[in-house]
C-alpha atoms as a PDB file:
ATOM      1  CA  MET A   1      14.104  23.593 -16.564  1.00  0.00           C
ATOM      2  CA  SER A   2      16.222  20.752 -17.546  1.00  0.00           C
ATOM      3  CA  GLU A   3      15.831  18.385 -20.408  1.00  0.00           C
ATOM      4  CA  GLY A   4      13.919  15.535 -18.566  1.00  0.00           C
ATOM      5  CA  PRO A   5      10.909  17.513 -17.489  1.00  0.00           C
ATOM      6  CA  LYS A   6      10.957  19.426 -20.891  1.00  0.00           C
ATOM      7  CA  LYS A   7      10.779  16.101 -22.561  1.00  0.00           C
ATOM      8  CA  LEU A   8       7.992  14.897 -20.216  1.00  0.00           C
ATOM      9  CA  LEU A   9       6.012  18.141 -21.021  1.00  0.00           C
ATOM     10  CA  SER A  10       6.434  17.665 -24.729  1.00  0.00           C
ATOM     11  CA  LEU A  11       5.384  14.019 -24.562  1.00  0.00           C
ATOM     12  CA  LEU A  12       2.186  14.769 -22.824  1.00  0.00           C
ATOM     13  CA  LEU A  13       1.218  17.566 -25.185  1.00  0.00           C
ATOM     14  CA  VAL A  14       2.192  15.168 -28.236  1.00  0.00           C
ATOM     15  CA  ILE A  15       0.118  12.240 -26.855  1.00  0.00           C
ATOM     16  CA  GLY A  16      -2.950  14.671 -26.015  1.00  0.00           C
ATOM     17  CA  ALA A  17      -2.783  14.029 -22.295  1.00  0.00           C
ATOM     18  CA  GLN A  18      -4.470  17.424 -21.550  1.00  0.00           C
ATOM     19  CA  SER A  19      -7.425  16.337 -19.334  1.00  0.00           C
ATOM     20  CA  PRO A  20      -8.126  13.869 -16.636  1.00  0.00           C
ATOM     21  CA  ASP A  21      -9.812  11.375 -19.219  1.00  0.00           C
ATOM     22  CA  LYS A  22      -6.748  11.485 -21.415  1.00  0.00           C
ATOM     23  CA  ALA A  23      -4.157  11.058 -18.573  1.00  0.00           C
ATOM     24  CA  ILE A  24      -1.450   8.510 -18.587  1.00  0.00           C
ATOM     25  CA  ASN A  25      -0.002   6.152 -15.896  1.00  0.00           C
ATOM     26  CA  LEU A  26       3.383   6.292 -14.630  1.00  0.00           C
ATOM     27  CA  GLY A  27       4.432   3.170 -16.134  1.00  0.00           C
ATOM     28  CA  GLU A  28       3.380   4.073 -19.593  1.00  0.00           C
ATOM     29  CA  LEU A  29       5.130   7.335 -19.210  1.00  0.00           C
ATOM     30  CA  ALA A  30       8.419   5.714 -18.108  1.00  0.00           C
ATOM     31  CA  LEU A  31       8.132   3.447 -21.155  1.00  0.00           C
ATOM     32  CA  LYS A  32       7.547   6.324 -23.636  1.00  0.00           C
ATOM     33  CA  LEU A  33      10.414   8.254 -22.055  1.00  0.00           C
ATOM     34  CA  GLY A  34      12.798   5.423 -22.099  1.00  0.00           C
ATOM     35  CA  THR A  35      13.452   5.535 -18.366  1.00  0.00           C
ATOM     36  CA  ASP A  36      12.554   3.773 -15.108  1.00  0.00           C
ATOM     37  CA  LYS A  37       9.348   4.481 -12.987  1.00  0.00           C
ATOM     38  CA  LYS A  38      11.272   6.168 -10.109  1.00  0.00           C
ATOM     39  CA  SER A  39      13.068   8.820 -12.641  1.00  0.00           C
ATOM     40  CA  ALA A  40       9.587   9.392 -14.230  1.00  0.00           C
ATOM     41  CA  GLU A  41       7.780   9.785 -11.078  1.00  0.00           C
ATOM     42  CA  ALA A  42      10.557  12.295  -9.962  1.00  0.00           C
ATOM     43  CA  GLU A  43      10.046  14.323 -12.941  1.00  0.00           C
ATOM     44  CA  VAL A  44       6.217  14.057 -12.762  1.00  0.00           C
ATOM     45  CA  ARG A  45       6.539  15.295  -9.157  1.00  0.00           C
ATOM     46  CA  GLN A  46       8.740  18.302 -10.137  1.00  0.00           C
ATOM     47  CA  LEU A  47       6.276  19.335 -12.775  1.00  0.00           C
ATOM     48  CA  ALA A  48       3.258  18.777 -10.533  1.00  0.00           C
ATOM     49  CA  GLN A  49       4.908  21.146  -7.873  1.00  0.00           C
ATOM     50  CA  SER A  50       5.248  23.795 -10.572  1.00  0.00           C
ATOM     51  CA  GLY A  51       1.733  23.458 -11.650  1.00  0.00           C
ATOM     52  CA  TYR A  52       2.385  21.932 -15.104  1.00  0.00           C
ATOM     53  CA  VAL A  53       0.956  18.495 -14.345  1.00  0.00           C
ATOM     54  CA  ALA A  54      -2.141  17.235 -12.598  1.00  0.00           C
ATOM     55  CA  LYS A  55      -2.869  13.785 -11.305  1.00  0.00           C
ATOM     56  CA  ALA A  56      -6.221  11.827 -11.899  1.00  0.00           C
ATOM     57  CA  GLY A  57      -7.281   8.574 -10.523  1.00  0.00           C
ATOM     58  CA  ALA A  58      -7.157   6.784  -7.153  1.00  0.00           C
ATOM     59  CA  LEU A  59      -4.298   5.898  -5.177  1.00  0.00           C
ATOM     60  CA  GLY A  60      -2.380   3.029  -6.873  1.00  0.00           C
ATOM     61  CA  ASN A  61      -4.085   3.908 -10.204  1.00  0.00           C
ATOM     62  CA  GLU A  62      -2.902   7.505 -10.756  1.00  0.00           C
ATOM     63  CA  ALA A  63      -2.451   8.849 -14.142  1.00  0.00           C
ATOM     64  CA  PHE A  64      -1.094  12.273 -15.152  1.00  0.00           C
ATOM     65  CA  TYR A  65      -2.054  14.986 -17.527  1.00  0.00           C
ATOM     66  CA  LEU A  66      -0.972  18.726 -18.377  1.00  0.00           C
ATOM     67  CA  THR A  67      -2.707  21.337 -16.762  1.00  0.00           C
ATOM     68  CA  GLY A  68      -3.399  24.642 -18.723  1.00  0.00           C
ATOM     69  CA  THR A  69      -0.203  26.043 -17.434  1.00  0.00           C
ATOM     70  CA  GLY A  70       1.534  22.884 -18.543  1.00  0.00           C
ATOM     71  CA  VAL A  71       0.027  23.146 -22.088  1.00  0.00           C
ATOM     72  CA  ILE A  72       1.437  26.599 -22.450  1.00  0.00           C
ATOM     73  CA  ALA A  73       4.850  25.667 -21.119  1.00  0.00           C
ATOM     74  CA  ALA A  74       5.013  22.611 -23.510  1.00  0.00           C
ATOM     75  CA  SER A  75       3.947  24.598 -26.353  1.00  0.00           C
ATOM     76  CA  SER A  76       6.553  27.379 -25.673  1.00  0.00           C
ATOM     77  CA  THR A  77       9.367  24.799 -26.171  1.00  0.00           C
ATOM     78  CA  TYR A  78       8.251  24.769 -29.959  1.00  0.00           C
ATOM     79  CA  SER A  79       8.223  28.438 -30.539  1.00  0.00           C
END
């Protein structure tokens, strides 16, 4: 896994985005990552396809959070 997705996993873990009610929207993710929304969206899409991130909210108001597998993957970067 490249550094971008690892950084995103770590960010979601640190901010506590581990359930639908704690999900964070794409604009906020991009801002916290210091990147543009398009780049953040590509990373989120990659992590979602791997089962690490899930989507909450309706179309146009989506937010993202770590799945159980994502929590394990994010935590493993610290061990």
